[in-house]
Amino acid sequence: MTNTTAQPRNPLHGKTLEALVTELADFYGWEGLGERINIRCFTHDPSVSSSLKFLRKTPWARDKVESLYLFMLRDTRRAERGF
């Protein structure tokens, strides 16, 4: 038996940082992402690879990306239900 715990209700479980950045960039666009999280890797010549380099070394910025991702999920689910 393995000692891993399933996290079925955690939307971040199993998601890579690359997947988060890609989904956010697809949803908001780089300009919109830079407006919501004002960090240079999103506002000046943004790309997934340059963003990942910065985010992997900067825990506070990674936390902001994760928070925005969760907000995006809540917002899209709310819109789907018509609230």
C-alpha atoms as a PDB file:
ATOM      1  CA  MET A   1       0.000   0.000   0.000  1.00  0.00           C
ATOM      2  CA  THR A   2       1.377   3.414  -0.920  1.00  0.00           C
ATOM      3  CA  ASN A   3       1.479   6.321   1.477  1.00  0.00           C
ATOM      4  CA  THR A   4       0.016   8.892  -0.907  1.00  0.00           C
ATOM      5  CA  THR A   5      -3.190  10.617   0.017  1.00  0.00           C
ATOM      6  CA  ALA A   6      -5.816  11.353  -2.569  1.00  0.00           C
ATOM      7  CA  GLN A   7      -7.057  14.896  -2.745  1.00  0.00           C
ATOM      8  CA  PRO A   8     -10.180  14.662  -4.875  1.00  0.00           C
ATOM      9  CA  ARG A   9     -11.482  18.103  -3.860  1.00  0.00           C
ATOM     10  CA  ASN A  10      -8.196  19.978  -4.316  1.00  0.00           C
ATOM     11  CA  PRO A  11      -8.243  21.530  -7.812  1.00  0.00           C
ATOM     12  CA  LEU A  12      -4.475  22.138  -7.655  1.00  0.00           C
ATOM     13  CA  HIS A  13      -3.667  18.486  -6.953  1.00  0.00           C
ATOM     14  CA  GLY A  14      -1.853  16.977  -9.914  1.00  0.00           C
ATOM     15  CA  LYS A  15      -1.596  20.285 -11.789  1.00  0.00           C
ATOM     16  CA  THR A  16       1.833  21.443 -12.822  1.00  0.00           C
ATOM     17  CA  LEU A  17       2.884  25.057 -12.590  1.00  0.00           C
ATOM     18  CA  GLU A  18       3.209  25.018 -16.375  1.00  0.00           C
ATOM     19  CA  ALA A  19      -0.418  23.908 -16.714  1.00  0.00           C
ATOM     20  CA  LEU A  20      -1.583  26.688 -14.380  1.00  0.00           C
ATOM     21  CA  VAL A  21       0.305  29.403 -16.268  1.00  0.00           C
ATOM     22  CA  THR A  22      -0.858  28.069 -19.625  1.00  0.00           C
ATOM     23  CA  GLU A  23      -4.510  27.918 -18.585  1.00  0.00           C
ATOM     24  CA  LEU A  24      -4.380  31.393 -17.051  1.00  0.00           C
ATOM     25  CA  ALA A  25      -2.704  32.858 -20.144  1.00  0.00           C
ATOM     26  CA  ASP A  26      -5.291  31.169 -22.378  1.00  0.00           C
ATOM     27  CA  PHE A  27      -8.175  32.419 -20.238  1.00  0.00           C
ATOM     28  CA  TYR A  28      -7.073  35.999 -19.501  1.00  0.00           C
ATOM     29  CA  GLY A  29      -4.442  36.564 -22.197  1.00  0.00           C
ATOM     30  CA  TRP A  30      -0.964  37.769 -21.228  1.00  0.00           C
ATOM     31  CA  GLU A  31      -2.135  41.380 -20.904  1.00  0.00           C
ATOM     32  CA  GLY A  32      -5.024  40.417 -18.629  1.00  0.00           C
ATOM     33  CA  LEU A  33      -2.763  38.166 -16.604  1.00  0.00           C
ATOM     34  CA  GLY A  34      -0.267  41.021 -16.190  1.00  0.00           C
ATOM     35  CA  GLU A  35      -3.088  43.300 -15.012  1.00  0.00           C
ATOM     36  CA  ARG A  36      -4.200  40.807 -12.385  1.00  0.00           C
ATOM     37  CA  ILE A  37      -0.691  39.829 -11.231  1.00  0.00           C
ATOM     38  CA  ASN A  38       1.629  42.744 -11.898  1.00  0.00           C
ATOM     39  CA  ILE A  39       4.966  40.978 -12.217  1.00  0.00           C
ATOM     40  CA  ARG A  40       7.483  41.505 -14.975  1.00  0.00           C
ATOM     41  CA  CYS A  41       7.349  37.966 -16.351  1.00  0.00           C
ATOM     42  CA  PHE A  42       3.696  38.611 -17.305  1.00  0.00           C
ATOM     43  CA  THR A  43       4.017  42.222 -18.462  1.00  0.00           C
ATOM     44  CA  HIS A  44       7.284  42.412 -20.442  1.00  0.00           C
ATOM     45  CA  ASP A  45       7.774  39.954 -23.312  1.00  0.00           C
ATOM     46  CA  PRO A  46       5.843  37.161 -21.534  1.00  0.00           C
ATOM     47  CA  SER A  47       6.180  33.483 -22.288  1.00  0.00           C
ATOM     48  CA  VAL A  48       5.426  30.298 -20.420  1.00  0.00           C
ATOM     49  CA  SER A  49       9.097  29.348 -20.121  1.00  0.00           C
ATOM     50  CA  SER A  50      10.265  32.736 -18.794  1.00  0.00           C
ATOM     51  CA  SER A  51       7.357  32.822 -16.359  1.00  0.00           C
ATOM     52  CA  LEU A  52       8.174  29.338 -15.074  1.00  0.00           C
ATOM     53  CA  LYS A  53      11.800  30.282 -14.427  1.00  0.00           C
ATOM     54  CA  PHE A  54      10.703  33.209 -12.271  1.00  0.00           C
ATOM     55  CA  LEU A  55       7.804  31.472 -10.532  1.00  0.00           C
ATOM     56  CA  ARG A  56       9.858  28.428  -9.552  1.00  0.00           C
ATOM     57  CA  LYS A  57      12.300  30.690  -7.680  1.00  0.00           C
ATOM     58  CA  THR A  58       9.698  33.040  -6.178  1.00  0.00           C
ATOM     59  CA  PRO A  59       7.226  31.462  -3.740  1.00  0.00           C
ATOM     60  CA  TRP A  60       5.119  34.620  -3.208  1.00  0.00           C
ATOM     61  CA  ALA A  61       4.557  34.957  -6.960  1.00  0.00           C
ATOM     62  CA  ARG A  62       3.702  31.265  -7.287  1.00  0.00           C
ATOM     63  CA  ASP A  63       1.134  31.717  -4.489  1.00  0.00           C
ATOM     64  CA  LYS A  64      -0.456  34.566  -6.450  1.00  0.00           C
ATOM     65  CA  VAL A  65      -0.671  32.393  -9.569  1.00  0.00           C
ATOM     66  CA  GLU A  66      -2.291  29.562  -7.603  1.00  0.00           C
ATOM     67  CA  SER A  67      -4.777  31.970  -6.004  1.00  0.00           C
ATOM     68  CA  LEU A  68      -5.731  33.481  -9.354  1.00  0.00           C
ATOM     69  CA  TYR A  69      -6.149  29.994 -10.815  1.00  0.00           C
ATOM     70  CA  LEU A  70      -8.549  29.041  -8.010  1.00  0.00           C
ATOM     71  CA  PHE A  71     -10.442  32.312  -8.511  1.00  0.00           C
ATOM     72  CA  MET A  72     -10.710  31.601 -12.249  1.00  0.00           C
ATOM     73  CA  LEU A  73     -12.127  28.129 -11.537  1.00  0.00           C
ATOM     74  CA  ARG A  74     -14.698  29.508  -9.085  1.00  0.00           C
ATOM     75  CA  ASP A  75     -15.654  32.273 -11.497  1.00  0.00           C
ATOM     76  CA  THR A  76     -16.141  29.924 -14.464  1.00  0.00           C
ATOM     77  CA  ARG A  77     -18.159  27.447 -12.383  1.00  0.00           C
ATOM     78  CA  ARG A  78     -20.332  30.281 -11.114  1.00  0.00           C
ATOM     79  CA  ALA A  79     -20.889  31.505 -14.666  1.00  0.00           C
ATOM     80  CA  GLU A  80     -21.787  28.002 -15.848  1.00  0.00           C
ATOM     81  CA  ARG A  81     -24.483  27.771 -13.169  1.00  0.00           C
ATOM     82  CA  GLY A  82     -25.843  31.179 -14.090  1.00  0.00           C
ATOM     83  CA  PHE A  83     -25.117  33.022 -10.837  1.00  0.00           C
END
